[in-house]
Amino acid sequence: MIRKGFVVFFLSLVFPLFGQFSGVPYIENFAKENFQSKVWDIAQGINGELYLATPKGLTVFDGIRWNAKSF
């Protein structure tokens, strides 16, 4: 009985450690100077792209690149 309790205790300490290092997202911050105008609205498409409505047009962020599309 003590051996079974020790195994359960040991596993409860070891398994949470494996989940700490997987799936950590890469986060990049952008400075205020990177934006040319104000953002009126933000939406996310089903493909994961971010759409930003600005006075100059629509800006699309695909996770890597910014693409500006003027009206």
PDB file of N, CA and C in Angstrom:
ATOM      1  N   MET A   1       0.821  -1.197   0.000  1.00  0.00           N
ATOM      2  CA  MET A   1       0.000   0.000   0.000  1.00  0.00           C
ATOM      3  C   MET A   1       0.867   1.263   0.000  1.00  0.00           C
ATOM      4  N   ILE A   2       1.934   1.235   0.777  1.00  0.00           N
ATOM      5  CA  ILE A   2       2.830   2.387   0.828  1.00  0.00           C
ATOM      6  C   ILE A   2       3.523   2.562  -0.517  1.00  0.00           C
ATOM      7  N   ARG A   3       3.888   1.454  -1.150  1.00  0.00           N
ATOM      8  CA  ARG A   3       4.564   1.516  -2.448  1.00  0.00           C
ATOM      9  C   ARG A   3       3.644   2.133  -3.512  1.00  0.00           C
ATOM     10  N   LYS A   4       2.375   1.738  -3.503  1.00  0.00           N
ATOM     11  CA  LYS A   4       1.409   2.287  -4.453  1.00  0.00           C
ATOM     12  C   LYS A   4       1.223   3.785  -4.218  1.00  0.00           C
ATOM     13  N   GLY A   5       1.157   4.190  -2.969  1.00  0.00           N
ATOM     14  CA  GLY A   5       1.024   5.604  -2.644  1.00  0.00           C
ATOM     15  C   GLY A   5       2.248   6.400  -3.079  1.00  0.00           C
ATOM     16  N   PHE A   6       3.435   5.807  -2.952  1.00  0.00           N
ATOM     17  CA  PHE A   6       4.659   6.473  -3.379  1.00  0.00           C
ATOM     18  C   PHE A   6       4.672   6.663  -4.897  1.00  0.00           C
ATOM     19  N   VAL A   7       4.240   5.664  -5.641  1.00  0.00           N
ATOM     20  CA  VAL A   7       4.202   5.758  -7.102  1.00  0.00           C
ATOM     21  C   VAL A   7       3.240   6.855  -7.535  1.00  0.00           C
ATOM     22  N   VAL A   8       2.072   6.906  -6.948  1.00  0.00           N
ATOM     23  CA  VAL A   8       1.092   7.942  -7.286  1.00  0.00           C
ATOM     24  C   VAL A   8       1.654   9.323  -6.938  1.00  0.00           C
ATOM     25  N   PHE A   9       2.281   9.453  -5.788  1.00  0.00           N
ATOM     26  CA  PHE A   9       2.868  10.725  -5.385  1.00  0.00           C
ATOM     27  C   PHE A   9       3.979  11.147  -6.340  1.00  0.00           C
ATOM     28  N   PHE A  10       4.847  10.220  -6.715  1.00  0.00           N
ATOM     29  CA  PHE A  10       5.958  10.508  -7.627  1.00  0.00           C
ATOM     30  C   PHE A  10       5.446  10.939  -8.996  1.00  0.00           C
ATOM     31  N   LEU A  11       4.458  10.241  -9.520  1.00  0.00           N
ATOM     32  CA  LEU A  11       3.916  10.581 -10.830  1.00  0.00           C
ATOM     33  C   LEU A  11       3.203  11.936 -10.816  1.00  0.00           C
ATOM     34  N   SER A  12       2.566  12.268  -9.701  1.00  0.00           N
ATOM     35  CA  SER A  12       1.890  13.564  -9.622  1.00  0.00           C
ATOM     36  C   SER A  12       2.891  14.715  -9.594  1.00  0.00           C
ATOM     37  N   LEU A  13       4.130  14.452  -9.196  1.00  0.00           N
ATOM     38  CA  LEU A  13       5.163  15.484  -9.212  1.00  0.00           C
ATOM     39  C   LEU A  13       5.866  15.572 -10.563  1.00  0.00           C
ATOM     40  N   VAL A  14       6.031  14.447 -11.247  1.00  0.00           N
ATOM     41  CA  VAL A  14       6.815  14.410 -12.480  1.00  0.00           C
ATOM     42  C   VAL A  14       6.011  14.849 -13.694  1.00  0.00           C
ATOM     43  N   PHE A  15       4.794  14.379 -13.879  1.00  0.00           N
ATOM     44  CA  PHE A  15       4.035  14.658 -15.103  1.00  0.00           C
ATOM     45  C   PHE A  15       3.722  16.138 -15.330  1.00  0.00           C
ATOM     46  N   PRO A  16       3.410  16.937 -14.328  1.00  0.00           N
ATOM     47  CA  PRO A  16       3.167  18.361 -14.617  1.00  0.00           C
ATOM     48  C   PRO A  16       4.394  19.083 -15.167  1.00  0.00           C
ATOM     49  N   LEU A  17       5.595  18.582 -14.917  1.00  0.00           N
ATOM     50  CA  LEU A  17       6.805  19.231 -15.418  1.00  0.00           C
ATOM     51  C   LEU A  17       6.915  19.136 -16.928  1.00  0.00           C
ATOM     52  N   PHE A  18       6.387  18.083 -17.539  1.00  0.00           N
ATOM     53  CA  PHE A  18       6.502  17.917 -18.985  1.00  0.00           C
ATOM     54  C   PHE A  18       5.655  18.925 -19.744  1.00  0.00           C
ATOM     55  N   GLY A  19       4.553  19.348 -19.205  1.00  0.00           N
ATOM     56  CA  GLY A  19       3.672  20.282 -19.887  1.00  0.00           C
ATOM     57  C   GLY A  19       4.137  21.734 -19.816  1.00  0.00           C
ATOM     58  N   GLN A  20       5.117  22.020 -19.010  1.00  0.00           N
ATOM     59  CA  GLN A  20       5.561  23.393 -18.830  1.00  0.00           C
ATOM     60  C   GLN A  20       6.317  23.936 -20.036  1.00  0.00           C
ATOM     61  N   PHE A  21       6.960  23.086 -20.825  1.00  0.00           N
ATOM     62  CA  PHE A  21       7.845  23.559 -21.873  1.00  0.00           C
ATOM     63  C   PHE A  21       7.289  23.392 -23.272  1.00  0.00           C
ATOM     64  N   SER A  22       6.177  22.758 -23.434  1.00  0.00           N
ATOM     65  CA  SER A  22       5.637  22.559 -24.777  1.00  0.00           C
ATOM     66  C   SER A  22       4.512  23.557 -25.041  1.00  0.00           C
ATOM     67  N   GLY A  23       4.422  24.013 -26.278  1.00  0.00           N
ATOM     68  CA  GLY A  23       3.337  24.879 -26.678  1.00  0.00           C
ATOM     69  C   GLY A  23       3.482  26.331 -26.262  1.00  0.00           C
ATOM     70  N   VAL A  24       4.693  26.770 -25.970  1.00  0.00           N
ATOM     71  CA  VAL A  24       4.894  28.163 -25.586  1.00  0.00           C
ATOM     72  C   VAL A  24       4.873  29.012 -26.850  1.00  0.00           C
ATOM     73  N   PRO A  25       3.947  29.967 -26.971  1.00  0.00           N
ATOM     74  CA  PRO A  25       3.856  30.757 -28.193  1.00  0.00           C
ATOM     75  C   PRO A  25       4.971  31.796 -28.286  1.00  0.00           C
ATOM     76  N   TYR A  26       5.332  32.118 -29.513  1.00  0.00           N
ATOM     77  CA  TYR A  26       6.288  33.190 -29.757  1.00  0.00           C
ATOM     78  C   TYR A  26       5.523  34.502 -29.752  1.00  0.00           C
ATOM     79  N   ILE A  27       5.928  35.436 -28.933  1.00  0.00           N
ATOM     80  CA  ILE A  27       5.237  36.712 -28.818  1.00  0.00           C
ATOM     81  C   ILE A  27       6.170  37.817 -29.266  1.00  0.00           C
ATOM     82  N   GLU A  28       5.683  38.661 -30.168  1.00  0.00           N
ATOM     83  CA  GLU A  28       6.458  39.794 -30.645  1.00  0.00           C
ATOM     84  C   GLU A  28       5.655  41.071 -30.433  1.00  0.00           C
ATOM     85  N   ASN A  29       6.259  42.038 -29.818  1.00  0.00           N
ATOM     86  CA  ASN A  29       5.618  43.324 -29.583  1.00  0.00           C
ATOM     87  C   ASN A  29       6.019  44.299 -30.677  1.00  0.00           C
ATOM     88  N   PHE A  30       5.097  45.146 -31.080  1.00  0.00           N
ATOM     89  CA  PHE A  30       5.353  46.142 -32.103  1.00  0.00           C
ATOM     90  C   PHE A  30       5.264  47.526 -31.483  1.00  0.00           C
ATOM     91  N   ALA A  31       6.199  48.383 -31.845  1.00  0.00           N
ATOM     92  CA  ALA A  31       6.237  49.742 -31.318  1.00  0.00           C
ATOM     93  C   ALA A  31       5.162  50.602 -31.979  1.00  0.00           C
ATOM     94  N   LYS A  32       4.806  51.670 -31.318  1.00  0.00           N
ATOM     95  CA  LYS A  32       3.807  52.595 -31.829  1.00  0.00           C
ATOM     96  C   LYS A  32       4.238  53.191 -33.175  1.00  0.00           C
ATOM     97  N   GLU A  33       5.531  53.341 -33.360  1.00  0.00           N
ATOM     98  CA  GLU A  33       6.065  53.935 -34.577  1.00  0.00           C
ATOM     99  C   GLU A  33       5.850  53.052 -35.806  1.00  0.00           C
ATOM    100  N   ASN A  34       5.561  51.769 -35.617  1.00  0.00           N
ATOM    101  CA  ASN A  34       5.347  50.852 -36.739  1.00  0.00           C
ATOM    102  C   ASN A  34       4.017  51.092 -37.444  1.00  0.00           C
ATOM    103  N   PHE A  35       3.100  51.769 -36.790  1.00  0.00           N
ATOM    104  CA  PHE A  35       1.778  51.984 -37.352  1.00  0.00           C
ATOM    105  C   PHE A  35       1.695  53.380 -37.944  1.00  0.00           C
ATOM    106  N   GLN A  36       1.138  53.464 -39.135  1.00  0.00           N
ATOM    107  CA  GLN A  36       1.052  54.736 -39.848  1.00  0.00           C
ATOM    108  C   GLN A  36      -0.218  55.505 -39.511  1.00  0.00           C
ATOM    109  N   SER A  37      -1.221  54.868 -38.992  1.00  0.00           N
ATOM    110  CA  SER A  37      -2.472  55.557 -38.688  1.00  0.00           C
ATOM    111  C   SER A  37      -3.193  54.844 -37.553  1.00  0.00           C
ATOM    112  N   LYS A  38      -4.318  55.400 -37.159  1.00  0.00           N
ATOM    113  CA  LYS A  38      -5.115  54.804 -36.083  1.00  0.00           C
ATOM    114  C   LYS A  38      -5.858  53.570 -36.583  1.00  0.00           C
ATOM    115  N   VAL A  39      -6.153  52.680 -35.664  1.00  0.00           N
ATOM    116  CA  VAL A  39      -6.914  51.473 -35.988  1.00  0.00           C
ATOM    117  C   VAL A  39      -8.332  51.659 -35.481  1.00  0.00           C
ATOM    118  N   TRP A  40      -9.304  51.557 -36.392  1.00  0.00           N
ATOM    119  CA  TRP A  40     -10.706  51.726 -36.023  1.00  0.00           C
ATOM    120  C   TRP A  40     -11.335  50.434 -35.523  1.00  0.00           C
ATOM    121  N   ASP A  41     -10.967  49.325 -36.162  1.00  0.00           N
ATOM    122  CA  ASP A  41     -11.589  48.045 -35.797  1.00  0.00           C
ATOM    123  C   ASP A  41     -10.622  46.914 -36.113  1.00  0.00           C
ATOM    124  N   ILE A  42     -10.742  45.822 -35.371  1.00  0.00           N
ATOM    125  CA  ILE A  42      -9.911  44.629 -35.582  1.00  0.00           C
ATOM    126  C   ILE A  42     -10.836  43.423 -35.636  1.00  0.00           C
ATOM    127  N   ALA A  43     -10.581  42.547 -36.609  1.00  0.00           N
ATOM    128  CA  ALA A  43     -11.342  41.296 -36.722  1.00  0.00           C
ATOM    129  C   ALA A  43     -10.372  40.183 -37.083  1.00  0.00           C
ATOM    130  N   GLN A  44     -10.747  38.957 -36.729  1.00  0.00           N
ATOM    131  CA  GLN A  44      -9.928  37.795 -37.074  1.00  0.00           C
ATOM    132  C   GLN A  44     -10.747  36.877 -37.961  1.00  0.00           C
ATOM    133  N   GLY A  45     -10.148  36.472 -39.085  1.00  0.00           N
ATOM    134  CA  GLY A  45     -10.810  35.576 -40.017  1.00  0.00           C
ATOM    135  C   GLY A  45     -10.696  34.131 -39.583  1.00  0.00           C
ATOM    136  N   ILE A  46     -11.444  33.252 -40.249  1.00  0.00           N
ATOM    137  CA  ILE A  46     -11.401  31.833 -39.894  1.00  0.00           C
ATOM    138  C   ILE A  46     -10.052  31.211 -40.246  1.00  0.00           C
ATOM    139  N   ASN A  47      -9.284  31.871 -41.116  1.00  0.00           N
ATOM    140  CA  ASN A  47      -7.955  31.385 -41.474  1.00  0.00           C
ATOM    141  C   ASN A  47      -6.893  31.862 -40.492  1.00  0.00           C
ATOM    142  N   GLY A  48      -7.269  32.647 -39.482  1.00  0.00           N
ATOM    143  CA  GLY A  48      -6.346  33.108 -38.461  1.00  0.00           C
ATOM    144  C   GLY A  48      -5.737  34.467 -38.737  1.00  0.00           C
ATOM    145  N   GLU A  49      -5.984  35.033 -39.910  1.00  0.00           N
ATOM    146  CA  GLU A  49      -5.437  36.341 -40.231  1.00  0.00           C
ATOM    147  C   GLU A  49      -6.164  37.427 -39.447  1.00  0.00           C
ATOM    148  N   LEU A  50      -5.428  38.484 -39.094  1.00  0.00           N
ATOM    149  CA  LEU A  50      -6.016  39.637 -38.425  1.00  0.00           C
ATOM    150  C   LEU A  50      -6.264  40.719 -39.453  1.00  0.00           C
ATOM    151  N   TYR A  51      -7.442  41.320 -39.397  1.00  0.00           N
ATOM    152  CA  TYR A  51      -7.824  42.400 -40.298  1.00  0.00           C
ATOM    153  C   TYR A  51      -8.002  43.667 -39.475  1.00  0.00           C
ATOM    154  N   LEU A  52      -7.266  44.719 -39.844  1.00  0.00           N
ATOM    155  CA  LEU A  52      -7.331  45.985 -39.126  1.00  0.00           C
ATOM    156  C   LEU A  52      -7.862  47.054 -40.061  1.00  0.00           C
ATOM    157  N   ALA A  53      -8.929  47.719 -39.657  1.00  0.00           N
ATOM    158  CA  ALA A  53      -9.506  48.802 -40.448  1.00  0.00           C
ATOM    159  C   ALA A  53      -8.874  50.116 -39.997  1.00  0.00           C
ATOM    160  N   THR A  54      -8.250  50.816 -40.932  1.00  0.00           N
ATOM    161  CA  THR A  54      -7.592  52.087 -40.650  1.00  0.00           C
ATOM    162  C   THR A  54      -8.139  53.152 -41.600  1.00  0.00           C
ATOM    163  N   PRO A  55      -7.874  54.428 -41.354  1.00  0.00           N
ATOM    164  CA  PRO A  55      -8.326  55.469 -42.276  1.00  0.00           C
ATOM    165  C   PRO A  55      -7.719  55.330 -43.675  1.00  0.00           C
ATOM    166  N   LYS A  56      -6.560  54.703 -43.777  1.00  0.00           N
ATOM    167  CA  LYS A  56      -5.893  54.552 -45.076  1.00  0.00           C
ATOM    168  C   LYS A  56      -6.313  53.294 -45.824  1.00  0.00           C
ATOM    169  N   GLY A  57      -7.026  52.383 -45.178  1.00  0.00           N
ATOM    170  CA  GLY A  57      -7.453  51.153 -45.831  1.00  0.00           C
ATOM    171  C   GLY A  57      -7.463  49.973 -44.877  1.00  0.00           C
ATOM    172  N   LEU A  58      -7.373  48.794 -45.449  1.00  0.00           N
ATOM    173  CA  LEU A  58      -7.396  47.556 -44.675  1.00  0.00           C
ATOM    174  C   LEU A  58      -5.974  47.008 -44.566  1.00  0.00           C
ATOM    175  N   THR A  59      -5.578  46.653 -43.366  1.00  0.00           N
ATOM    176  CA  THR A  59      -4.271  46.054 -43.138  1.00  0.00           C
ATOM    177  C   THR A  59      -4.488  44.624 -42.675  1.00  0.00           C
ATOM    178  N   VAL A  60      -3.775  43.692 -43.295  1.00  0.00           N
ATOM    179  CA  VAL A  60      -3.918  42.267 -42.987  1.00  0.00           C
ATOM    180  C   VAL A  60      -2.610  41.759 -42.397  1.00  0.00           C
ATOM    181  N   PHE A  61      -2.705  41.058 -41.270  1.00  0.00           N
ATOM    182  CA  PHE A  61      -1.531  40.446 -40.635  1.00  0.00           C
ATOM    183  C   PHE A  61      -1.737  38.942 -40.637  1.00  0.00           C
ATOM    184  N   ASP A  62      -0.848  38.213 -41.314  1.00  0.00           N
ATOM    185  CA  ASP A  62      -0.982  36.766 -41.435  1.00  0.00           C
ATOM    186  C   ASP A  62      -0.173  35.989 -40.398  1.00  0.00           C
ATOM    187  N   GLY A  63       0.401  36.694 -39.447  1.00  0.00           N
ATOM    188  CA  GLY A  63       1.220  36.046 -38.433  1.00  0.00           C
ATOM    189  C   GLY A  63       2.697  36.260 -38.670  1.00  0.00           C
ATOM    190  N   ILE A  64       3.039  36.658 -39.893  1.00  0.00           N
ATOM    191  CA  ILE A  64       4.431  36.921 -40.244  1.00  0.00           C
ATOM    192  C   ILE A  64       4.575  38.305 -40.868  1.00  0.00           C
ATOM    193  N   ARG A  65       3.713  38.599 -41.835  1.00  0.00           N
ATOM    194  CA  ARG A  65       3.823  39.836 -42.605  1.00  0.00           C
ATOM    195  C   ARG A  65       2.587  40.702 -42.462  1.00  0.00           C
ATOM    196  N   TRP A  66       2.806  42.008 -42.619  1.00  0.00           N
ATOM    197  CA  TRP A  66       1.729  42.996 -42.677  1.00  0.00           C
ATOM    198  C   TRP A  66       1.517  43.345 -44.148  1.00  0.00           C
ATOM    199  N   ASN A  67       0.285  43.329 -44.615  1.00  0.00           N
ATOM    200  CA  ASN A  67      -0.051  43.710 -45.978  1.00  0.00           C
ATOM    201  C   ASN A  67      -1.116  44.794 -45.932  1.00  0.00           C
ATOM    202  N   ALA A  68      -0.807  45.957 -46.537  1.00  0.00           N
ATOM    203  CA  ALA A  68      -1.755  47.068 -46.563  1.00  0.00           C
ATOM    204  C   ALA A  68      -2.513  47.053 -47.879  1.00  0.00           C
ATOM    205  N   LYS A  69      -3.835  47.183 -47.796  1.00  0.00           N
ATOM    206  CA  LYS A  69      -4.688  47.247 -48.978  1.00  0.00           C
ATOM    207  C   LYS A  69      -5.496  48.532 -48.874  1.00  0.00           C
ATOM    208  N   SER A  70      -5.259  49.450 -49.801  1.00  0.00           N
ATOM    209  CA  SER A  70      -5.956  50.741 -49.744  1.00  0.00           C
ATOM    210  C   SER A  70      -7.312  50.643 -50.418  1.00  0.00           C
ATOM    211  N   PHE A  71      -8.202  51.536 -50.026  1.00  0.00           N
ATOM    212  CA  PHE A  71      -9.554  51.579 -50.600  1.00  0.00           C
ATOM    213  C   PHE A  71      -9.550  52.320 -51.912  1.00  0.00           C
TER     214      PHE A  71
END
